[in-house]
Amino acid sequence: MAVTDTLGRLHAAFADAGVTGRLHALDIDSGAQVDFGADQPVCTASVHKLCLLVTLHRQAAEGRLDLTEQIECPPDGRTPGPTGLAAMLDAARMSLRDLAHLMMTVSDNAAADLLLDRVGLDTVNRTTARLGLSRTHAAHTFGELQATIKEDAGPHGARALTDPHVLTRLRALDPDRSNRSTPRDMTRLLGAVWRDEACVPEHGEAIRRLLGLQVWPHRLASGFPFDDVHVAGKTGTLPTVRNEVGVVEYPDGGRYAVAVFTRTANPAVTLPAADAVIGTAARIAVDALRVP
């Protein structure tokens, strides 16, 4: 498929869904790629949990922590969220690796911040720098990120997030003031994980396993509804932002890292077309990479 045809199809798909899209797709083995704004800075939202997961496993591989270490999870002071520990009411005690499971499979914010308390935000940034992700930076914990949204929304709280004027002042939606990356940085990270360059093989396999257990099928995976195609990924969501990065593996051995980041002017929480276009765009890009 000609490059111009692929880029035209991507442009049309994003426009039809009412979003602005940025995408990078990479054949992990050949290096072939599709670039649709791949170097534009984007807000990562919960996609940044992948950077934390890689950091956690690199620290474990270096003997700096034990993944079976138990962490107390009291209900008071937990980072809020709709899933996992963030939504639970009672005290719990969990291992680091089980917290990582909740962080990746259901995007548990409380679990993520407990892990950040253990490894440190600076350590995450050192890890991404050492992996060559020069455009990737974590500015906040996930609790701090939510706090900026609450503060910037003002006294009317969540109701104000339907106001376009309020949305323009949210620091969380400004890559210069929030957790950020680029689509190309994210596929570079995924490629390193799948080639066992980000971690030793034992830990690389653990990372890939968790990405494959994510429960959300409505974005990246929706573009590949086949029993013999495996999709492993991590979503990210903020007001007007829907993202996912992941790897698509075909039974013939083809494996493709894809990063799709979208923004929409519509502040509605439920926008099925904006979710589905992530899978549509990923499929267009992967199909282009699979053409001989």
C-alpha atoms as a PDB file:
ATOM      1  CA  MET A   1       0.000   0.000   0.000  1.00  0.00           C
ATOM      2  CA  ALA A   2       1.411   3.406  -0.940  1.00  0.00           C
ATOM      3  CA  VAL A   3       2.420   5.678   1.915  1.00  0.00           C
ATOM      4  CA  THR A   4       0.121   8.438   0.671  1.00  0.00           C
ATOM      5  CA  ASP A   5      -2.820   6.005   0.603  1.00  0.00           C
ATOM      6  CA  THR A   6      -2.121   4.908   4.185  1.00  0.00           C
ATOM      7  CA  LEU A   7      -1.805   8.459   5.482  1.00  0.00           C
ATOM      8  CA  GLY A   8      -4.967   9.463   3.627  1.00  0.00           C
ATOM      9  CA  ARG A   9      -6.908   6.585   5.161  1.00  0.00           C
ATOM     10  CA  LEU A  10      -5.638   7.503   8.631  1.00  0.00           C
ATOM     11  CA  HIS A  11      -6.619  11.136   8.153  1.00  0.00           C
ATOM     12  CA  ALA A  12     -10.106  10.117   7.016  1.00  0.00           C
ATOM     13  CA  ALA A  13     -10.570   7.662   9.892  1.00  0.00           C
ATOM     14  CA  PHE A  14      -9.645  10.226  12.539  1.00  0.00           C
ATOM     15  CA  ALA A  15     -11.792  12.921  10.892  1.00  0.00           C
ATOM     16  CA  ASP A  16     -14.817  10.628  10.665  1.00  0.00           C
ATOM     17  CA  ALA A  17     -14.488   9.848  14.383  1.00  0.00           C
ATOM     18  CA  GLY A  18     -14.252  13.542  15.270  1.00  0.00           C
ATOM     19  CA  VAL A  19     -10.761  13.339  16.750  1.00  0.00           C
ATOM     20  CA  THR A  20      -7.280  14.630  16.141  1.00  0.00           C
ATOM     21  CA  GLY A  21      -4.960  11.626  15.962  1.00  0.00           C
ATOM     22  CA  ARG A  22      -1.248  10.943  16.273  1.00  0.00           C
ATOM     23  CA  LEU A  23       0.133   7.506  15.422  1.00  0.00           C
ATOM     24  CA  HIS A  24       3.317   5.529  15.045  1.00  0.00           C
ATOM     25  CA  ALA A  25       3.426   1.881  13.995  1.00  0.00           C
ATOM     26  CA  LEU A  26       6.618  -0.165  13.891  1.00  0.00           C
ATOM     27  CA  ASP A  27       7.459  -3.598  12.548  1.00  0.00           C
ATOM     28  CA  ILE A  28       9.462  -4.757  15.567  1.00  0.00           C
ATOM     29  CA  ASP A  29      11.716  -7.013  13.506  1.00  0.00           C
ATOM     30  CA  SER A  30      12.240  -5.189  10.195  1.00  0.00           C
ATOM     31  CA  GLY A  31      12.061  -1.603  11.436  1.00  0.00           C
ATOM     32  CA  ALA A  32       9.479  -0.601   8.795  1.00  0.00           C
ATOM     33  CA  GLN A  33       7.174   2.110  10.108  1.00  0.00           C
ATOM     34  CA  VAL A  34       4.101   4.250   9.582  1.00  0.00           C
ATOM     35  CA  ASP A  35       4.404   7.850  10.809  1.00  0.00           C
ATOM     36  CA  PHE A  36       1.316  10.020  11.326  1.00  0.00           C
ATOM     37  CA  GLY A  37       2.508  12.842  13.571  1.00  0.00           C
ATOM     38  CA  ALA A  38       4.771  10.402  15.411  1.00  0.00           C
ATOM     39  CA  ASP A  39       7.012  13.068  16.928  1.00  0.00           C
ATOM     40  CA  GLN A  40       4.282  15.347  18.220  1.00  0.00           C
ATOM     41  CA  PRO A  41       4.265  15.611  22.042  1.00  0.00           C
ATOM     42  CA  VAL A  42       1.200  14.016  23.617  1.00  0.00           C
ATOM     43  CA  CYS A  43      -0.265  13.607  27.097  1.00  0.00           C
ATOM     44  CA  THR A  44       0.223   9.998  28.082  1.00  0.00           C
ATOM     45  CA  ALA A  45      -2.362   9.709  30.900  1.00  0.00           C
ATOM     46  CA  SER A  46      -2.344   6.085  32.108  1.00  0.00           C
ATOM     47  CA  VAL A  47      -0.158   4.974  29.198  1.00  0.00           C
ATOM     48  CA  HIS A  48       2.690   6.204  31.429  1.00  0.00           C
ATOM     49  CA  LYS A  49       2.048   3.196  33.664  1.00  0.00           C
ATOM     50  CA  LEU A  50       3.986   1.194  31.083  1.00  0.00           C
ATOM     51  CA  CYS A  51       7.079   3.291  31.886  1.00  0.00           C
ATOM     52  CA  LEU A  52       6.533   2.592  35.582  1.00  0.00           C
ATOM     53  CA  LEU A  53       6.131  -1.137  34.940  1.00  0.00           C
ATOM     54  CA  VAL A  54       9.389  -1.315  32.981  1.00  0.00           C
ATOM     55  CA  THR A  55      11.145   0.625  35.742  1.00  0.00           C
ATOM     56  CA  LEU A  56       9.808  -1.743  38.392  1.00  0.00           C
ATOM     57  CA  HIS A  57      11.121  -4.796  36.564  1.00  0.00           C
ATOM     58  CA  ARG A  58      14.508  -3.234  35.808  1.00  0.00           C
ATOM     59  CA  GLN A  59      14.858  -2.433  39.505  1.00  0.00           C
ATOM     60  CA  ALA A  60      13.970  -6.044  40.349  1.00  0.00           C
ATOM     61  CA  ALA A  61      16.449  -7.389  37.792  1.00  0.00           C
ATOM     62  CA  GLU A  62      19.191  -5.247  39.373  1.00  0.00           C
ATOM     63  CA  GLY A  63      18.340  -6.593  42.832  1.00  0.00           C
ATOM     64  CA  ARG A  64      17.107  -3.240  44.128  1.00  0.00           C
ATOM     65  CA  LEU A  65      13.729  -4.667  45.103  1.00  0.00           C
ATOM     66  CA  ASP A  66      11.885  -7.977  45.423  1.00  0.00           C
ATOM     67  CA  LEU A  67       8.647  -8.232  43.460  1.00  0.00           C
ATOM     68  CA  THR A  68       7.151 -10.409  46.196  1.00  0.00           C
ATOM     69  CA  GLU A  69       7.680  -7.626  48.778  1.00  0.00           C
ATOM     70  CA  GLN A  70       4.410  -6.935  50.615  1.00  0.00           C
ATOM     71  CA  ILE A  71       2.962  -3.410  50.684  1.00  0.00           C
ATOM     72  CA  GLU A  72       0.313  -2.182  53.105  1.00  0.00           C
ATOM     73  CA  CYS A  73      -2.581  -0.511  51.313  1.00  0.00           C
ATOM     74  CA  PRO A  74      -4.688   1.406  53.862  1.00  0.00           C
ATOM     75  CA  PRO A  75      -7.943   2.924  52.572  1.00  0.00           C
ATOM     76  CA  ASP A  76      -7.119   6.430  53.809  1.00  0.00           C
ATOM     77  CA  GLY A  77      -5.141   8.512  51.351  1.00  0.00           C
ATOM     78  CA  ARG A  78      -5.503   6.181  48.378  1.00  0.00           C
ATOM     79  CA  THR A  79      -5.386   7.782  44.951  1.00  0.00           C
ATOM     80  CA  PRO A  80      -8.991   7.790  43.696  1.00  0.00           C
ATOM     81  CA  GLY A  81     -10.190   5.985  40.627  1.00  0.00           C
ATOM     82  CA  PRO A  82     -12.940   3.724  39.284  1.00  0.00           C
ATOM     83  CA  THR A  83     -11.077   0.398  39.389  1.00  0.00           C
ATOM     84  CA  GLY A  84      -9.008  -1.848  41.641  1.00  0.00           C
ATOM     85  CA  LEU A  85      -7.793  -0.656  45.014  1.00  0.00           C
ATOM     86  CA  ALA A  86      -8.722   2.894  44.062  1.00  0.00           C
ATOM     87  CA  ALA A  87     -12.401   1.902  44.212  1.00  0.00           C
ATOM     88  CA  MET A  88     -12.171  -0.463  47.190  1.00  0.00           C
ATOM     89  CA  LEU A  89     -13.049   0.428  50.765  1.00  0.00           C
ATOM     90  CA  ASP A  90     -11.018  -1.808  53.074  1.00  0.00           C
ATOM     91  CA  ALA A  91      -7.381  -2.225  53.988  1.00  0.00           C
ATOM     92  CA  ALA A  92      -5.325  -4.636  51.910  1.00  0.00           C
ATOM     93  CA  ARG A  93      -1.811  -6.046  51.773  1.00  0.00           C
ATOM     94  CA  MET A  94      -0.348  -6.940  48.386  1.00  0.00           C
ATOM     95  CA  SER A  95       2.945  -7.784  46.718  1.00  0.00           C
ATOM     96  CA  LEU A  96       4.604  -5.371  44.312  1.00  0.00           C
ATOM     97  CA  ARG A  97       3.911  -7.700  41.413  1.00  0.00           C
ATOM     98  CA  ASP A  98       0.223  -7.979  42.278  1.00  0.00           C
ATOM     99  CA  LEU A  99      -0.018  -4.193  42.503  1.00  0.00           C
ATOM    100  CA  ALA A 100       1.545  -4.113  39.033  1.00  0.00           C
ATOM    101  CA  HIS A 101      -1.102  -6.565  37.857  1.00  0.00           C
ATOM    102  CA  LEU A 102      -3.898  -4.230  38.998  1.00  0.00           C
ATOM    103  CA  MET A 103      -2.114  -1.204  37.552  1.00  0.00           C
ATOM    104  CA  MET A 104      -1.866  -2.727  34.086  1.00  0.00           C
ATOM    105  CA  THR A 105      -4.960  -4.910  33.741  1.00  0.00           C
ATOM    106  CA  VAL A 106      -7.569  -2.468  35.104  1.00  0.00           C
ATOM    107  CA  SER A 107      -5.466   0.738  35.195  1.00  0.00           C
ATOM    108  CA  ASP A 108      -5.690   1.019  38.997  1.00  0.00           C
ATOM    109  CA  ASN A 109      -4.442   4.487  39.994  1.00  0.00           C
ATOM    110  CA  ALA A 110      -4.012   3.610  43.651  1.00  0.00           C
ATOM    111  CA  ALA A 111      -1.845   0.598  42.802  1.00  0.00           C
ATOM    112  CA  ALA A 112       0.233   2.738  40.442  1.00  0.00           C
ATOM    113  CA  ASP A 113       0.929   5.369  43.087  1.00  0.00           C
ATOM    114  CA  LEU A 114       1.854   2.742  45.680  1.00  0.00           C
ATOM    115  CA  LEU A 115       4.435   1.477  43.187  1.00  0.00           C
ATOM    116  CA  LEU A 116       5.616   5.024  42.530  1.00  0.00           C
ATOM    117  CA  ASP A 117       6.048   5.489  46.280  1.00  0.00           C
ATOM    118  CA  ARG A 118       8.340   2.458  46.205  1.00  0.00           C
ATOM    119  CA  VAL A 119      10.473   3.225  43.135  1.00  0.00           C
ATOM    120  CA  GLY A 120      10.243   7.028  42.846  1.00  0.00           C
ATOM    121  CA  LEU A 121       9.234   9.322  40.016  1.00  0.00           C
ATOM    122  CA  ASP A 122      12.856  10.297  39.376  1.00  0.00           C
ATOM    123  CA  THR A 123      13.745   6.640  38.885  1.00  0.00           C
ATOM    124  CA  VAL A 124      11.055   6.304  36.234  1.00  0.00           C
ATOM    125  CA  ASN A 125      12.484   9.316  34.392  1.00  0.00           C
ATOM    126  CA  ARG A 126      16.028   7.977  34.626  1.00  0.00           C
ATOM    127  CA  THR A 127      14.826   4.681  33.194  1.00  0.00           C
ATOM    128  CA  THR A 128      13.119   6.241  30.182  1.00  0.00           C
ATOM    129  CA  ALA A 129      16.188   8.425  29.560  1.00  0.00           C
ATOM    130  CA  ARG A 130      18.500   5.410  29.645  1.00  0.00           C
ATOM    131  CA  LEU A 131      16.246   3.643  27.141  1.00  0.00           C
ATOM    132  CA  GLY A 132      16.634   6.572  24.751  1.00  0.00           C
ATOM    133  CA  LEU A 133      13.124   7.960  25.181  1.00  0.00           C
ATOM    134  CA  SER A 134      14.243  11.576  25.048  1.00  0.00           C
ATOM    135  CA  ARG A 135      10.733  12.995  24.614  1.00  0.00           C
ATOM    136  CA  THR A 136       9.199  11.046  27.510  1.00  0.00           C
ATOM    137  CA  HIS A 137       8.860  12.551  31.000  1.00  0.00           C
ATOM    138  CA  ALA A 138       6.740  11.942  34.105  1.00  0.00           C
ATOM    139  CA  ALA A 139       5.896  15.238  35.804  1.00  0.00           C
ATOM    140  CA  HIS A 140       3.331  13.934  38.321  1.00  0.00           C
ATOM    141  CA  THR A 141       2.153  10.916  40.206  1.00  0.00           C
ATOM    142  CA  PHE A 142      -1.314   9.830  39.129  1.00  0.00           C
ATOM    143  CA  GLY A 143      -2.824  11.333  42.271  1.00  0.00           C
ATOM    144  CA  GLU A 144      -1.067  14.637  41.586  1.00  0.00           C
ATOM    145  CA  LEU A 145      -2.312  14.581  38.004  1.00  0.00           C
ATOM    146  CA  GLN A 146      -5.895  14.181  39.224  1.00  0.00           C
ATOM    147  CA  ALA A 147      -5.352  16.959  41.759  1.00  0.00           C
ATOM    148  CA  THR A 148      -4.368  19.386  38.982  1.00  0.00           C
ATOM    149  CA  ILE A 149      -7.615  18.585  37.148  1.00  0.00           C
ATOM    150  CA  LYS A 150      -9.659  19.227  40.278  1.00  0.00           C
ATOM    151  CA  GLU A 151      -7.834  22.470  40.982  1.00  0.00           C
ATOM    152  CA  ASP A 152      -8.013  23.734  37.389  1.00  0.00           C
ATOM    153  CA  ALA A 153     -11.712  22.824  37.059  1.00  0.00           C
ATOM    154  CA  GLY A 154     -12.525  25.215  39.877  1.00  0.00           C
ATOM    155  CA  PRO A 155     -15.427  25.254  42.342  1.00  0.00           C
ATOM    156  CA  HIS A 156     -17.922  23.552  40.026  1.00  0.00           C
ATOM    157  CA  GLY A 157     -15.870  20.356  40.003  1.00  0.00           C
ATOM    158  CA  ALA A 158     -16.453  17.642  37.426  1.00  0.00           C
ATOM    159  CA  ARG A 159     -19.480  19.471  35.987  1.00  0.00           C
ATOM    160  CA  ALA A 160     -17.122  22.183  34.727  1.00  0.00           C
ATOM    161  CA  LEU A 161     -15.278  19.684  32.534  1.00  0.00           C
ATOM    162  CA  THR A 162     -18.039  19.974  29.939  1.00  0.00           C
ATOM    163  CA  ASP A 163     -17.085  23.627  29.421  1.00  0.00           C
ATOM    164  CA  PRO A 164     -14.572  24.076  26.561  1.00  0.00           C
ATOM    165  CA  HIS A 165     -13.130  27.160  28.261  1.00  0.00           C
ATOM    166  CA  VAL A 166     -12.362  25.146  31.379  1.00  0.00           C
ATOM    167  CA  LEU A 167     -10.779  22.349  29.347  1.00  0.00           C
ATOM    168  CA  THR A 168      -8.325  24.791  27.760  1.00  0.00           C
ATOM    169  CA  ARG A 169      -6.836  25.608  31.168  1.00  0.00           C
ATOM    170  CA  LEU A 170      -6.294  22.038  32.363  1.00  0.00           C
ATOM    171  CA  ARG A 171      -2.593  21.420  32.931  1.00  0.00           C
ATOM    172  CA  ALA A 172      -3.297  17.707  32.543  1.00  0.00           C
ATOM    173  CA  LEU A 173      -4.068  18.286  28.847  1.00  0.00           C
ATOM    174  CA  ASP A 174      -0.892  20.281  28.155  1.00  0.00           C
ATOM    175  CA  PRO A 175       2.097  18.066  27.291  1.00  0.00           C
ATOM    176  CA  ASP A 176       4.457  20.788  28.516  1.00  0.00           C
ATOM    177  CA  ARG A 177       2.949  20.570  32.003  1.00  0.00           C
ATOM    178  CA  SER A 178       1.882  16.951  32.312  1.00  0.00           C
ATOM    179  CA  ASN A 179       3.151  13.399  31.864  1.00  0.00           C
ATOM    180  CA  ARG A 180       4.174  13.243  28.246  1.00  0.00           C
ATOM    181  CA  SER A 181       5.765  11.314  25.416  1.00  0.00           C
ATOM    182  CA  THR A 182       5.493  10.880  21.644  1.00  0.00           C
ATOM    183  CA  PRO A 183       4.030   7.998  19.638  1.00  0.00           C
ATOM    184  CA  ARG A 184       7.525   7.159  18.357  1.00  0.00           C
ATOM    185  CA  ASP A 185       8.980   6.995  21.883  1.00  0.00           C
ATOM    186  CA  MET A 186       6.231   4.609  22.928  1.00  0.00           C
ATOM    187  CA  THR A 187       6.748   2.201  20.027  1.00  0.00           C
ATOM    188  CA  ARG A 188      10.480   2.335  20.717  1.00  0.00           C
ATOM    189  CA  LEU A 189       9.776   1.267  24.296  1.00  0.00           C
ATOM    190  CA  LEU A 190       7.423  -1.506  23.203  1.00  0.00           C
ATOM    191  CA  GLY A 191       9.937  -2.756  20.662  1.00  0.00           C
ATOM    192  CA  ALA A 192      12.611  -2.873  23.357  1.00  0.00           C
ATOM    193  CA  VAL A 193      10.290  -4.852  25.644  1.00  0.00           C
ATOM    194  CA  TRP A 194       9.418  -7.362  22.922  1.00  0.00           C
ATOM    195  CA  ARG A 195      13.078  -7.815  21.911  1.00  0.00           C
ATOM    196  CA  ASP A 196      14.172  -8.221  25.569  1.00  0.00           C
ATOM    197  CA  GLU A 197      16.289  -5.081  25.343  1.00  0.00           C
ATOM    198  CA  ALA A 198      14.435  -3.138  28.035  1.00  0.00           C
ATOM    199  CA  CYS A 199      14.832  -5.950  30.598  1.00  0.00           C
ATOM    200  CA  VAL A 200      16.399  -9.365  30.850  1.00  0.00           C
ATOM    201  CA  PRO A 201      14.166 -12.052  29.266  1.00  0.00           C
ATOM    202  CA  GLU A 202      12.602 -13.215  32.539  1.00  0.00           C
ATOM    203  CA  HIS A 203      11.345  -9.722  33.300  1.00  0.00           C
ATOM    204  CA  GLY A 204      10.515  -8.922  29.686  1.00  0.00           C
ATOM    205  CA  GLU A 205       8.214 -11.916  29.620  1.00  0.00           C
ATOM    206  CA  ALA A 206       6.517 -10.754  32.829  1.00  0.00           C
ATOM    207  CA  ILE A 207       5.895  -7.305  31.320  1.00  0.00           C
ATOM    208  CA  ARG A 208       4.485  -8.784  28.104  1.00  0.00           C
ATOM    209  CA  ARG A 209       2.222 -11.078  30.120  1.00  0.00           C
ATOM    210  CA  LEU A 210       0.679  -8.181  32.047  1.00  0.00           C
ATOM    211  CA  LEU A 211       0.120  -6.122  28.901  1.00  0.00           C
ATOM    212  CA  GLY A 212      -1.670  -9.120  27.424  1.00  0.00           C
ATOM    213  CA  LEU A 213      -4.033  -9.315  30.398  1.00  0.00           C
ATOM    214  CA  GLN A 214      -5.509  -5.808  30.040  1.00  0.00           C
ATOM    215  CA  VAL A 215      -9.288  -6.121  30.179  1.00  0.00           C
ATOM    216  CA  TRP A 216     -10.291  -3.265  27.830  1.00  0.00           C
ATOM    217  CA  PRO A 217     -11.159  -4.519  24.308  1.00  0.00           C
ATOM    218  CA  HIS A 218     -12.782  -1.346  22.950  1.00  0.00           C
ATOM    219  CA  ARG A 219      -9.764   0.524  21.591  1.00  0.00           C
ATOM    220  CA  LEU A 220      -6.666  -1.109  20.073  1.00  0.00           C
ATOM    221  CA  ALA A 221      -7.967  -4.684  20.227  1.00  0.00           C
ATOM    222  CA  SER A 222     -11.198  -3.744  18.439  1.00  0.00           C
ATOM    223  CA  GLY A 223      -9.242  -3.434  15.197  1.00  0.00           C
ATOM    224  CA  PHE A 224      -8.062  -7.046  15.328  1.00  0.00           C
ATOM    225  CA  PRO A 225     -11.088  -9.272  16.085  1.00  0.00           C
ATOM    226  CA  PHE A 226      -9.367 -12.559  15.316  1.00  0.00           C
ATOM    227  CA  ASP A 227      -8.781 -15.491  17.653  1.00  0.00           C
ATOM    228  CA  ASP A 228      -5.270 -16.067  16.281  1.00  0.00           C
ATOM    229  CA  VAL A 229      -4.089 -12.442  16.554  1.00  0.00           C
ATOM    230  CA  HIS A 230      -2.862 -11.424  19.994  1.00  0.00           C
ATOM    231  CA  VAL A 231      -3.077  -7.824  21.189  1.00  0.00           C
ATOM    232  CA  ALA A 232      -1.290  -6.598  24.318  1.00  0.00           C
ATOM    233  CA  GLY A 233      -1.648  -2.974  25.342  1.00  0.00           C
ATOM    234  CA  LYS A 234      -2.195  -0.145  27.798  1.00  0.00           C
ATOM    235  CA  THR A 235      -4.878   2.507  27.545  1.00  0.00           C
ATOM    236  CA  GLY A 236      -4.846   6.076  28.794  1.00  0.00           C
ATOM    237  CA  THR A 237      -7.807   8.404  29.364  1.00  0.00           C
ATOM    238  CA  LEU A 238      -8.282  12.033  30.382  1.00  0.00           C
ATOM    239  CA  PRO A 239     -11.048  14.524  29.555  1.00  0.00           C
ATOM    240  CA  THR A 240     -11.115  14.662  25.708  1.00  0.00           C
ATOM    241  CA  VAL A 241      -8.102  12.279  25.548  1.00  0.00           C
ATOM    242  CA  ARG A 242      -8.191   8.611  24.535  1.00  0.00           C
ATOM    243  CA  ASN A 243      -4.949   6.712  23.959  1.00  0.00           C
ATOM    244  CA  GLU A 244      -3.577   3.221  23.653  1.00  0.00           C
ATOM    245  CA  VAL A 245      -0.176   1.727  22.966  1.00  0.00           C
ATOM    246  CA  GLY A 246       0.435  -1.948  22.393  1.00  0.00           C
ATOM    247  CA  VAL A 247       1.784  -4.791  20.296  1.00  0.00           C
ATOM    248  CA  VAL A 248      -0.160  -6.809  17.728  1.00  0.00           C
ATOM    249  CA  GLU A 249       1.185 -10.324  17.068  1.00  0.00           C
ATOM    250  CA  TYR A 250       0.126 -12.438  14.072  1.00  0.00           C
ATOM    251  CA  PRO A 251       0.344 -16.239  13.828  1.00  0.00           C
ATOM    252  CA  ASP A 252       2.950 -15.963  11.054  1.00  0.00           C
ATOM    253  CA  GLY A 253       5.347 -14.313  13.510  1.00  0.00           C
ATOM    254  CA  GLY A 254       4.723 -10.718  12.510  1.00  0.00           C
ATOM    255  CA  ARG A 255       4.730  -8.358  15.492  1.00  0.00           C
ATOM    256  CA  TYR A 256       3.938  -4.680  15.358  1.00  0.00           C
ATOM    257  CA  ALA A 257       4.192  -1.967  17.995  1.00  0.00           C
ATOM    258  CA  VAL A 258       1.464   0.662  17.660  1.00  0.00           C
ATOM    259  CA  ALA A 259       0.893   3.903  19.560  1.00  0.00           C
ATOM    260  CA  VAL A 260      -2.305   5.905  18.971  1.00  0.00           C
ATOM    261  CA  PHE A 261      -3.068   9.147  20.800  1.00  0.00           C
ATOM    262  CA  THR A 262      -6.275  11.102  20.197  1.00  0.00           C
ATOM    263  CA  ARG A 263      -7.971  14.326  21.270  1.00  0.00           C
ATOM    264  CA  THR A 264     -11.540  15.423  20.643  1.00  0.00           C
ATOM    265  CA  ALA A 265     -13.356  18.715  21.130  1.00  0.00           C
ATOM    266  CA  ASN A 266     -16.359  16.800  22.472  1.00  0.00           C
ATOM    267  CA  PRO A 267     -16.119  16.585  26.298  1.00  0.00           C
ATOM    268  CA  ALA A 268     -18.543  13.641  26.571  1.00  0.00           C
ATOM    269  CA  VAL A 269     -17.259  10.706  28.608  1.00  0.00           C
ATOM    270  CA  THR A 270     -18.877   8.120  26.325  1.00  0.00           C
ATOM    271  CA  LEU A 271     -17.825   8.441  22.678  1.00  0.00           C
ATOM    272  CA  PRO A 272     -17.733   4.959  21.114  1.00  0.00           C
ATOM    273  CA  ALA A 273     -16.474   6.234  17.762  1.00  0.00           C
ATOM    274  CA  ALA A 274     -13.513   7.965  19.419  1.00  0.00           C
ATOM    275  CA  ASP A 275     -12.601   4.722  21.185  1.00  0.00           C
ATOM    276  CA  ALA A 276     -13.066   2.517  18.127  1.00  0.00           C
ATOM    277  CA  VAL A 277     -10.966   4.677  15.802  1.00  0.00           C
ATOM    278  CA  ILE A 278      -7.898   3.706  17.817  1.00  0.00           C
ATOM    279  CA  GLY A 279      -8.397   0.127  16.642  1.00  0.00           C
ATOM    280  CA  THR A 280      -9.317   1.241  13.128  1.00  0.00           C
ATOM    281  CA  ALA A 281      -6.202   3.401  12.773  1.00  0.00           C
ATOM    282  CA  ALA A 282      -3.974   0.686  14.201  1.00  0.00           C
ATOM    283  CA  ARG A 283      -5.388  -1.837  11.714  1.00  0.00           C
ATOM    284  CA  ILE A 284      -4.793   0.535   8.782  1.00  0.00           C
ATOM    285  CA  ALA A 285      -1.177   1.014   9.868  1.00  0.00           C
ATOM    286  CA  VAL A 286      -0.473  -2.650  10.558  1.00  0.00           C
ATOM    287  CA  ASP A 287      -2.069  -3.712   7.266  1.00  0.00           C
ATOM    288  CA  ALA A 288       0.252  -1.289   5.492  1.00  0.00           C
ATOM    289  CA  LEU A 289       3.285  -2.775   7.244  1.00  0.00           C
ATOM    290  CA  ARG A 290       2.194  -6.303   6.308  1.00  0.00           C
ATOM    291  CA  VAL A 291       1.972  -5.583   2.564  1.00  0.00           C
ATOM    292  CA  PRO A 292       5.055  -7.160   0.883  1.00  0.00           C
END
